[in-house]
Each structure stands twice: as structure tokens, then as C-alpha cells.
N, C-alpha and C. Protein backbone atom coordinates (compact mmCIF):
# COMPACT_ATOMS: atom_id res chain seq x y z
N UNK A 1 0.85 -1.18 0.00
CA UNK A 1 0.00 0.00 0.00
C UNK A 1 0.90 1.25 0.00
N UNK A 2 0.50 2.23 -0.77
CA UNK A 2 1.32 3.43 -0.95
C UNK A 2 1.49 4.22 0.35
N UNK A 3 0.45 4.24 1.20
CA UNK A 3 0.52 5.00 2.45
C UNK A 3 1.59 4.42 3.39
N UNK A 4 1.89 3.14 3.25
CA UNK A 4 2.92 2.53 4.09
C UNK A 4 4.33 2.91 3.62
N UNK A 5 4.49 3.24 2.34
CA UNK A 5 5.80 3.59 1.81
C UNK A 5 6.05 5.09 1.84
N UNK A 6 5.00 5.88 1.64
CA UNK A 6 5.09 7.34 1.64
C UNK A 6 4.16 7.84 2.74
N UNK A 7 4.56 8.84 3.47
CA UNK A 7 3.73 9.33 4.56
C UNK A 7 2.43 9.92 4.02
N UNK A 8 1.40 9.83 4.83
CA UNK A 8 0.10 10.39 4.44
C UNK A 8 0.21 11.86 4.12
N UNK A 9 0.97 12.57 4.92
CA UNK A 9 1.09 14.02 4.74
C UNK A 9 1.66 14.36 3.36
N UNK A 10 2.74 13.70 2.96
CA UNK A 10 3.34 13.96 1.65
C UNK A 10 2.37 13.59 0.52
N UNK A 11 1.73 12.46 0.66
CA UNK A 11 0.80 12.00 -0.36
C UNK A 11 -0.40 12.94 -0.48
N UNK A 12 -0.95 13.34 0.66
CA UNK A 12 -2.11 14.23 0.66
C UNK A 12 -1.75 15.61 0.10
N UNK A 13 -0.59 16.14 0.49
CA UNK A 13 -0.16 17.45 -0.03
C UNK A 13 0.02 17.39 -1.54
N UNK A 14 0.57 16.31 -2.04
CA UNK A 14 0.73 16.15 -3.49
C UNK A 14 -0.63 16.14 -4.19
N UNK A 15 -1.56 15.37 -3.65
CA UNK A 15 -2.90 15.28 -4.24
C UNK A 15 -3.59 16.64 -4.21
N UNK A 16 -3.49 17.33 -3.09
CA UNK A 16 -4.16 18.63 -2.96
C UNK A 16 -3.53 19.66 -3.88
N UNK A 17 -2.22 19.62 -4.06
CA UNK A 17 -1.58 20.57 -4.98
C UNK A 17 -2.05 20.34 -6.42
N UNK A 18 -2.20 19.08 -6.80
CA UNK A 18 -2.73 18.78 -8.14
C UNK A 18 -4.17 19.27 -8.26
N UNK A 19 -4.96 19.08 -7.19
CA UNK A 19 -6.35 19.57 -7.19
C UNK A 19 -6.39 21.10 -7.34
N UNK A 20 -5.55 21.79 -6.61
CA UNK A 20 -5.52 23.25 -6.68
C UNK A 20 -5.15 23.71 -8.09
N UNK A 21 -4.12 23.10 -8.66
CA UNK A 21 -3.73 23.46 -10.02
C UNK A 21 -4.88 23.23 -11.00
N UNK A 22 -5.50 22.07 -10.91
CA UNK A 22 -6.59 21.75 -11.84
C UNK A 22 -7.78 22.69 -11.65
N UNK A 23 -8.12 22.98 -10.41
CA UNK A 23 -9.31 23.81 -10.14
C UNK A 23 -9.14 25.24 -10.64
N UNK A 24 -7.95 25.78 -10.47
CA UNK A 24 -7.76 27.18 -10.85
C UNK A 24 -7.30 27.39 -12.29
N UNK A 25 -6.94 26.31 -12.98
CA UNK A 25 -6.50 26.47 -14.37
C UNK A 25 -7.44 25.81 -15.37
N UNK A 26 -8.48 25.13 -14.92
CA UNK A 26 -9.36 24.43 -15.85
C UNK A 26 -10.01 25.38 -16.85
N UNK A 27 -10.32 26.57 -16.43
CA UNK A 27 -10.96 27.53 -17.35
C UNK A 27 -9.98 28.15 -18.33
N UNK A 28 -8.70 28.09 -18.03
CA UNK A 28 -7.71 28.68 -18.92
C UNK A 28 -7.41 27.81 -20.14
N UNK A 29 -7.36 26.52 -19.93
CA UNK A 29 -6.88 25.62 -20.97
C UNK A 29 -7.97 24.81 -21.67
N UNK A 30 -9.15 24.75 -21.11
CA UNK A 30 -10.14 23.80 -21.62
C UNK A 30 -11.27 24.43 -22.42
N UNK A 31 -11.23 25.73 -22.66
CA UNK A 31 -12.32 26.41 -23.37
C UNK A 31 -12.56 25.80 -24.75
N UNK A 32 -11.48 25.53 -25.48
CA UNK A 32 -11.61 25.06 -26.87
C UNK A 32 -11.24 23.59 -27.04
N UNK A 33 -10.64 22.98 -26.05
CA UNK A 33 -10.12 21.63 -26.20
C UNK A 33 -10.92 20.66 -25.33
N UNK A 34 -11.79 19.88 -25.95
CA UNK A 34 -12.66 18.96 -25.21
C UNK A 34 -11.85 17.84 -24.55
N UNK A 35 -10.84 17.31 -25.22
CA UNK A 35 -10.03 16.24 -24.66
C UNK A 35 -9.31 16.72 -23.39
N UNK A 36 -8.77 17.91 -23.42
CA UNK A 36 -8.11 18.46 -22.23
C UNK A 36 -9.11 18.67 -21.10
N UNK A 37 -10.33 19.09 -21.45
CA UNK A 37 -11.39 19.24 -20.44
C UNK A 37 -11.68 17.91 -19.75
N UNK A 38 -11.79 16.84 -20.54
CA UNK A 38 -12.06 15.51 -19.97
C UNK A 38 -10.90 15.07 -19.08
N UNK A 39 -9.68 15.35 -19.50
CA UNK A 39 -8.51 15.00 -18.68
C UNK A 39 -8.52 15.76 -17.37
N UNK A 40 -8.80 17.05 -17.43
CA UNK A 40 -8.86 17.86 -16.20
C UNK A 40 -9.96 17.35 -15.27
N UNK A 41 -11.13 17.12 -15.80
CA UNK A 41 -12.26 16.68 -14.97
C UNK A 41 -11.97 15.30 -14.37
N UNK A 42 -11.40 14.40 -15.16
CA UNK A 42 -11.03 13.08 -14.65
C UNK A 42 -10.00 13.20 -13.53
N UNK A 43 -9.03 14.07 -13.72
CA UNK A 43 -8.02 14.30 -12.70
C UNK A 43 -8.66 14.77 -11.39
N UNK A 44 -9.58 15.70 -11.50
CA UNK A 44 -10.25 16.20 -10.29
C UNK A 44 -11.01 15.08 -9.58
N UNK A 45 -11.72 14.26 -10.33
CA UNK A 45 -12.49 13.17 -9.72
C UNK A 45 -11.58 12.08 -9.15
N UNK A 46 -10.49 11.76 -9.85
CA UNK A 46 -9.55 10.77 -9.33
C UNK A 46 -8.90 11.25 -8.04
N UNK A 47 -8.61 12.54 -7.94
CA UNK A 47 -8.03 13.07 -6.71
C UNK A 47 -9.01 13.01 -5.56
N UNK A 48 -10.27 13.30 -5.82
CA UNK A 48 -11.28 13.17 -4.76
C UNK A 48 -11.38 11.72 -4.31
N UNK A 49 -11.37 10.81 -5.27
CA UNK A 49 -11.40 9.38 -4.93
C UNK A 49 -10.18 8.96 -4.13
N UNK A 50 -9.03 9.53 -4.46
CA UNK A 50 -7.81 9.21 -3.71
C UNK A 50 -7.93 9.66 -2.26
N UNK A 51 -8.51 10.84 -2.05
CA UNK A 51 -8.71 11.33 -0.68
C UNK A 51 -9.60 10.38 0.09
N UNK A 52 -10.68 9.94 -0.52
CA UNK A 52 -11.64 9.06 0.16
C UNK A 52 -10.99 7.74 0.54
N UNK A 53 -10.14 7.20 -0.34
CA UNK A 53 -9.50 5.93 -0.01
C UNK A 53 -8.41 6.06 1.03
N UNK A 54 -7.86 7.25 1.22
CA UNK A 54 -6.83 7.45 2.23
C UNK A 54 -7.40 7.55 3.65
N UNK A 55 -8.60 8.04 3.79
CA UNK A 55 -9.12 8.38 5.11
C UNK A 55 -9.26 7.20 6.08
N UNK A 56 -9.66 5.98 5.68
CA UNK A 56 -9.70 4.90 6.68
C UNK A 56 -8.33 4.61 7.29
N UNK A 57 -7.31 4.57 6.45
CA UNK A 57 -5.96 4.31 6.95
C UNK A 57 -5.48 5.44 7.85
N UNK A 58 -5.80 6.66 7.47
CA UNK A 58 -5.35 7.81 8.23
C UNK A 58 -6.03 7.88 9.59
N UNK A 59 -7.35 7.67 9.62
CA UNK A 59 -8.03 7.73 10.92
C UNK A 59 -7.50 6.66 11.87
N UNK A 60 -7.17 5.49 11.32
CA UNK A 60 -6.61 4.44 12.16
C UNK A 60 -5.21 4.79 12.64
N UNK A 61 -4.38 5.33 11.76
CA UNK A 61 -3.01 5.64 12.18
C UNK A 61 -2.94 6.87 13.08
N UNK A 62 -3.82 7.84 12.87
CA UNK A 62 -3.78 9.06 13.68
C UNK A 62 -4.44 8.85 15.03
N UNK A 63 -5.60 8.20 15.05
CA UNK A 63 -6.37 8.09 16.29
C UNK A 63 -6.22 6.74 16.98
N UNK A 64 -5.45 5.84 16.41
CA UNK A 64 -5.29 4.51 16.99
C UNK A 64 -6.34 3.56 16.44
N UNK A 65 -6.11 2.28 16.65
CA UNK A 65 -6.99 1.27 16.06
C UNK A 65 -8.40 1.37 16.64
N UNK A 66 -8.52 1.43 17.95
CA UNK A 66 -9.85 1.43 18.57
C UNK A 66 -10.63 2.71 18.27
N UNK A 67 -10.02 3.85 18.53
CA UNK A 67 -10.72 5.12 18.30
C UNK A 67 -10.87 5.42 16.81
N UNK A 68 -9.90 5.00 16.00
CA UNK A 68 -9.97 5.24 14.56
C UNK A 68 -11.17 4.58 13.93
N UNK A 69 -11.48 3.34 14.39
CA UNK A 69 -12.66 2.65 13.87
C UNK A 69 -13.94 3.38 14.26
N UNK A 70 -13.93 4.03 15.40
CA UNK A 70 -15.12 4.76 15.85
C UNK A 70 -15.23 6.13 15.16
N UNK A 71 -14.12 6.73 14.79
CA UNK A 71 -14.12 8.07 14.20
C UNK A 71 -14.39 8.03 12.70
N UNK A 72 -13.94 6.97 12.01
CA UNK A 72 -14.08 6.95 10.55
C UNK A 72 -15.52 7.10 10.05
N UNK A 73 -16.51 6.47 10.68
CA UNK A 73 -17.88 6.69 10.19
C UNK A 73 -18.30 8.17 10.21
N UNK A 74 -17.83 8.91 11.20
CA UNK A 74 -18.11 10.34 11.24
C UNK A 74 -17.47 11.05 10.06
N UNK A 75 -16.22 10.70 9.74
CA UNK A 75 -15.53 11.29 8.59
C UNK A 75 -16.30 10.96 7.31
N UNK A 76 -16.76 9.74 7.19
CA UNK A 76 -17.49 9.32 5.99
C UNK A 76 -18.81 10.08 5.88
N UNK A 77 -19.49 10.33 7.01
CA UNK A 77 -20.73 11.09 7.00
C UNK A 77 -20.48 12.54 6.58
N UNK A 78 -19.32 13.08 6.92
CA UNK A 78 -18.97 14.43 6.47
C UNK A 78 -18.87 14.49 4.96
N UNK A 79 -18.39 13.42 4.34
CA UNK A 79 -18.32 13.36 2.88
C UNK A 79 -19.73 13.38 2.28
N UNK A 80 -20.66 12.65 2.90
CA UNK A 80 -22.04 12.66 2.42
C UNK A 80 -22.68 14.04 2.59
N UNK A 81 -22.40 14.68 3.71
CA UNK A 81 -22.93 16.03 3.94
C UNK A 81 -22.36 17.02 2.91
N UNK A 82 -21.09 16.87 2.59
CA UNK A 82 -20.49 17.74 1.58
C UNK A 82 -21.14 17.53 0.22
N UNK A 83 -21.48 16.31 -0.09
CA UNK A 83 -22.15 16.02 -1.36
C UNK A 83 -23.53 16.67 -1.41
N UNK A 84 -24.25 16.59 -0.30
CA UNK A 84 -25.56 17.26 -0.23
C UNK A 84 -25.41 18.77 -0.36
N UNK A 85 -24.41 19.32 0.32
CA UNK A 85 -24.17 20.76 0.23
C UNK A 85 -23.88 21.18 -1.20
N UNK A 86 -23.09 20.37 -1.90
CA UNK A 86 -22.77 20.68 -3.30
C UNK A 86 -24.04 20.68 -4.16
N UNK A 87 -24.94 19.74 -3.89
CA UNK A 87 -26.20 19.68 -4.64
C UNK A 87 -27.03 20.94 -4.42
N UNK A 88 -27.15 21.34 -3.16
CA UNK A 88 -27.92 22.55 -2.86
C UNK A 88 -27.26 23.80 -3.42
N UNK A 89 -25.93 23.84 -3.36
CA UNK A 89 -25.20 24.96 -3.94
C UNK A 89 -25.44 25.04 -5.44
N UNK A 90 -25.40 23.90 -6.10
CA UNK A 90 -25.64 23.87 -7.54
C UNK A 90 -27.06 24.34 -7.87
N UNK A 91 -28.03 23.90 -7.07
CA UNK A 91 -29.42 24.33 -7.30
C UNK A 91 -29.55 25.84 -7.10
N UNK A 92 -28.88 26.38 -6.09
CA UNK A 92 -28.93 27.81 -5.83
C UNK A 92 -28.30 28.59 -6.98
N UNK A 93 -27.13 28.14 -7.41
CA UNK A 93 -26.43 28.82 -8.50
C UNK A 93 -27.17 28.67 -9.83
N UNK A 94 -27.87 27.57 -10.01
CA UNK A 94 -28.60 27.32 -11.25
C UNK A 94 -29.69 28.36 -11.47
N UNK A 95 -30.29 28.83 -10.40
CA UNK A 95 -31.34 29.85 -10.51
C UNK A 95 -30.77 31.22 -10.86
N UNK A 96 -29.53 31.47 -10.50
CA UNK A 96 -28.96 32.81 -10.61
C UNK A 96 -28.02 33.02 -11.81
N UNK A 97 -27.40 31.95 -12.32
CA UNK A 97 -26.32 32.11 -13.29
C UNK A 97 -26.50 31.19 -14.51
N UNK A 98 -25.68 31.43 -15.50
CA UNK A 98 -25.64 30.54 -16.67
C UNK A 98 -24.85 29.28 -16.30
N UNK A 99 -24.98 28.25 -17.13
CA UNK A 99 -24.29 26.97 -16.87
C UNK A 99 -22.77 27.16 -16.83
N UNK A 100 -22.25 28.00 -17.70
CA UNK A 100 -20.81 28.23 -17.74
C UNK A 100 -20.33 28.92 -16.45
N UNK A 101 -21.10 29.87 -15.96
CA UNK A 101 -20.74 30.55 -14.71
C UNK A 101 -20.82 29.60 -13.52
N UNK A 102 -21.80 28.72 -13.53
CA UNK A 102 -21.93 27.73 -12.45
C UNK A 102 -20.69 26.85 -12.41
N UNK A 103 -20.28 26.36 -13.57
CA UNK A 103 -19.12 25.49 -13.66
C UNK A 103 -17.88 26.20 -13.12
N UNK A 104 -17.67 27.43 -13.53
CA UNK A 104 -16.50 28.19 -13.06
C UNK A 104 -16.57 28.42 -11.55
N UNK A 105 -17.75 28.75 -11.04
CA UNK A 105 -17.93 29.00 -9.61
C UNK A 105 -17.66 27.73 -8.80
N UNK A 106 -18.18 26.59 -9.26
CA UNK A 106 -17.96 25.33 -8.55
C UNK A 106 -16.47 25.02 -8.46
N UNK A 107 -15.73 25.22 -9.54
CA UNK A 107 -14.30 24.93 -9.50
C UNK A 107 -13.53 25.94 -8.67
N UNK A 108 -13.97 27.17 -8.60
CA UNK A 108 -13.32 28.13 -7.71
C UNK A 108 -13.54 27.73 -6.26
N UNK A 109 -14.75 27.30 -5.93
CA UNK A 109 -15.03 26.82 -4.57
C UNK A 109 -14.21 25.57 -4.28
N UNK A 110 -14.18 24.65 -5.22
CA UNK A 110 -13.39 23.42 -5.09
C UNK A 110 -11.92 23.73 -4.84
N UNK A 111 -11.36 24.65 -5.61
CA UNK A 111 -9.96 25.04 -5.44
C UNK A 111 -9.71 25.74 -4.12
N UNK A 112 -10.65 26.58 -3.69
CA UNK A 112 -10.51 27.28 -2.41
C UNK A 112 -10.51 26.30 -1.25
N UNK A 113 -11.39 25.31 -1.30
CA UNK A 113 -11.42 24.29 -0.26
C UNK A 113 -10.13 23.45 -0.28
N UNK A 114 -9.59 23.22 -1.46
CA UNK A 114 -8.33 22.50 -1.56
C UNK A 114 -7.19 23.31 -0.94
N UNK A 115 -7.21 24.63 -1.09
CA UNK A 115 -6.21 25.49 -0.46
C UNK A 115 -6.31 25.37 1.06
N UNK A 116 -7.54 25.38 1.58
CA UNK A 116 -7.74 25.19 3.02
C UNK A 116 -7.21 23.82 3.45
N UNK A 117 -7.48 22.79 2.65
CA UNK A 117 -6.95 21.46 2.94
C UNK A 117 -5.44 21.42 2.94
N UNK A 118 -4.82 22.17 2.04
CA UNK A 118 -3.36 22.24 1.99
C UNK A 118 -2.81 22.90 3.25
N UNK A 119 -3.43 23.97 3.69
CA UNK A 119 -2.99 24.66 4.91
C UNK A 119 -3.11 23.73 6.13
N UNK A 120 -4.24 23.03 6.22
CA UNK A 120 -4.42 22.08 7.32
C UNK A 120 -3.37 20.98 7.24
N UNK A 121 -3.11 20.47 6.04
CA UNK A 121 -2.13 19.39 5.87
C UNK A 121 -0.73 19.82 6.26
N UNK A 122 -0.38 21.06 5.98
CA UNK A 122 0.96 21.54 6.33
C UNK A 122 1.18 21.51 7.84
N UNK A 123 0.15 21.86 8.60
CA UNK A 123 0.28 21.90 10.05
C UNK A 123 -0.18 20.61 10.73
N UNK A 124 -0.55 19.62 9.96
CA UNK A 124 -1.08 18.36 10.48
C UNK A 124 0.03 17.51 11.08
N UNK A 125 -0.21 16.98 12.28
CA UNK A 125 0.76 16.10 12.93
C UNK A 125 0.29 14.66 12.71
N UNK A 126 1.13 13.88 12.06
CA UNK A 126 0.74 12.52 11.67
C UNK A 126 0.80 11.51 12.81
N UNK A 127 1.85 11.54 13.56
CA UNK A 127 2.08 10.49 14.54
C UNK A 127 1.74 10.96 15.95
N UNK A 128 0.74 10.34 16.50
CA UNK A 128 0.31 10.64 17.86
C UNK A 128 0.48 9.38 18.70
N UNK A 129 0.69 9.57 19.99
CA UNK A 129 0.75 8.43 20.90
C UNK A 129 -0.59 8.33 21.61
N UNK A 130 -1.39 7.37 21.20
CA UNK A 130 -2.74 7.20 21.74
C UNK A 130 -2.81 6.04 22.73
N UNK A 131 -1.70 5.58 23.23
CA UNK A 131 -1.69 4.43 24.13
C UNK A 131 -2.57 4.66 25.34
N UNK A 132 -2.37 5.79 26.01
CA UNK A 132 -3.16 6.08 27.22
C UNK A 132 -4.64 6.26 26.89
N UNK A 133 -4.94 6.93 25.80
CA UNK A 133 -6.34 7.12 25.40
C UNK A 133 -6.99 5.80 25.05
N UNK A 134 -6.26 4.90 24.39
CA UNK A 134 -6.81 3.58 24.06
C UNK A 134 -7.09 2.76 25.31
N UNK A 135 -6.21 2.86 26.28
CA UNK A 135 -6.42 2.14 27.55
C UNK A 135 -7.70 2.66 28.22
N UNK A 136 -7.87 3.98 28.28
CA UNK A 136 -9.08 4.55 28.89
C UNK A 136 -10.33 4.16 28.09
N UNK A 137 -10.22 4.14 26.77
CA UNK A 137 -11.36 3.76 25.92
C UNK A 137 -11.75 2.31 26.20
N UNK A 138 -10.76 1.43 26.27
CA UNK A 138 -11.05 0.02 26.54
C UNK A 138 -11.64 -0.17 27.93
N UNK A 139 -11.17 0.59 28.91
CA UNK A 139 -11.74 0.52 30.26
C UNK A 139 -13.19 0.97 30.25
N UNK A 140 -13.50 2.02 29.50
CA UNK A 140 -14.87 2.51 29.40
C UNK A 140 -15.78 1.44 28.77
N UNK A 141 -15.30 0.78 27.73
CA UNK A 141 -16.07 -0.28 27.08
C UNK A 141 -16.29 -1.44 28.04
N UNK A 142 -15.27 -1.80 28.78
CA UNK A 142 -15.39 -2.88 29.75
C UNK A 142 -16.41 -2.54 30.83
N UNK A 143 -16.44 -1.29 31.27
CA UNK A 143 -17.43 -0.86 32.27
C UNK A 143 -18.85 -0.96 31.71
N UNK A 144 -19.02 -0.57 30.45
CA UNK A 144 -20.35 -0.65 29.83
C UNK A 144 -20.80 -2.09 29.70
N UNK A 145 -19.88 -2.98 29.33
CA UNK A 145 -20.22 -4.40 29.22
C UNK A 145 -20.58 -4.96 30.58
N UNK A 146 -19.81 -4.60 31.61
CA UNK A 146 -20.10 -5.07 32.97
C UNK A 146 -21.45 -4.55 33.44
N UNK A 147 -21.76 -3.29 33.15
CA UNK A 147 -23.06 -2.73 33.53
C UNK A 147 -24.20 -3.44 32.83
N UNK A 148 -24.04 -3.75 31.56
CA UNK A 148 -25.09 -4.48 30.82
C UNK A 148 -25.28 -5.88 31.41
N UNK A 149 -24.19 -6.54 31.79
CA UNK A 149 -24.29 -7.88 32.39
C UNK A 149 -25.06 -7.80 33.72
N UNK A 150 -24.75 -6.77 34.53
CA UNK A 150 -25.48 -6.60 35.80
C UNK A 150 -26.96 -6.33 35.57
N UNK A 151 -27.27 -5.54 34.57
CA UNK A 151 -28.68 -5.25 34.28
C UNK A 151 -29.42 -6.48 33.77
N UNK A 152 -28.73 -7.29 33.01
CA UNK A 152 -29.36 -8.53 32.51
C UNK A 152 -29.58 -9.50 33.64
N UNK A 153 -28.62 -9.60 34.56
CA UNK A 153 -28.73 -10.52 35.69
C UNK A 153 -29.78 -10.08 36.69
N UNK A 154 -30.05 -8.79 36.78
CA UNK A 154 -30.99 -8.28 37.79
C UNK A 154 -32.42 -8.50 37.41
């Protein structure tokens, strides 16, 4: 797996830089060239897919095995919420602008969010020591199991 050979931070920064370049230059090069437009759009979608496939590994490595499994569903739900937001944004822009302006606006927003992602990635700390937190988490789970056993026995 690539994340095991290259750090998540380097890989994510590379992906985000490609996203930023594509988002802010798509309107410059693709006006007359349909093939280049398809390449740019495919690149943007492949980069989004790359981000989605990285997140399970990252949540596990950053938050530990136990907490990472509990946190990843929240991260995945954020992706669904972002998709819904994009749909509503598109509907809002559709009422106000032409199709060409909508396309340009969506890519400007996409590129701006990628810039924010790049800033976060630069300051992101990859390796955390979650040993103590995992011990407390396991103790909390054990207490809940013991409480359920007592309630069943009573």
C-alpha cells in the first residue's frame, strides 16, 4: 500500500496541490479543447477518490486502532454532507447564473477548499501516541459491558 511507503502528509499534499492546479486552471486551458477538459475533470475526480480511499488508513493511524474505527464513520458522513451541500449549492447557483458561470464557480469553490486542505495538511501532525487514550477507551467499554451484564442478571 502506498501510504505505508510514503507518509500520508506527503501524499495528501501532493494530491491537494494537483487539485488546486486543476481547479484554478481548468478555465484557462479547456475552453476550446474537449479532450483536455475531460482529462482535467477526470483528474479532479480521481483526486477526490484518492482522498476518500486514504481516510480509513489515516483515521486508524492518527487516532489509533480502537478510536480510529469509531471516528471513521463520522468522517465518511462528512463526505455525504459535503455532497448534499454541493447539490444545494448547484441548485442555488442554477437559478442565478448561466451553466458556464456555475461550472466556473464550482471549480473556484473546489480550489478554495483545496487550499484550506493544503494549509491544514501543512500543520497536520501525523504520529500521535494514543496508548493512554486507548487504555481509557477500553476501560470505558469494559465498564459498559459489565453494567449491561449486571442489568441482565438483575
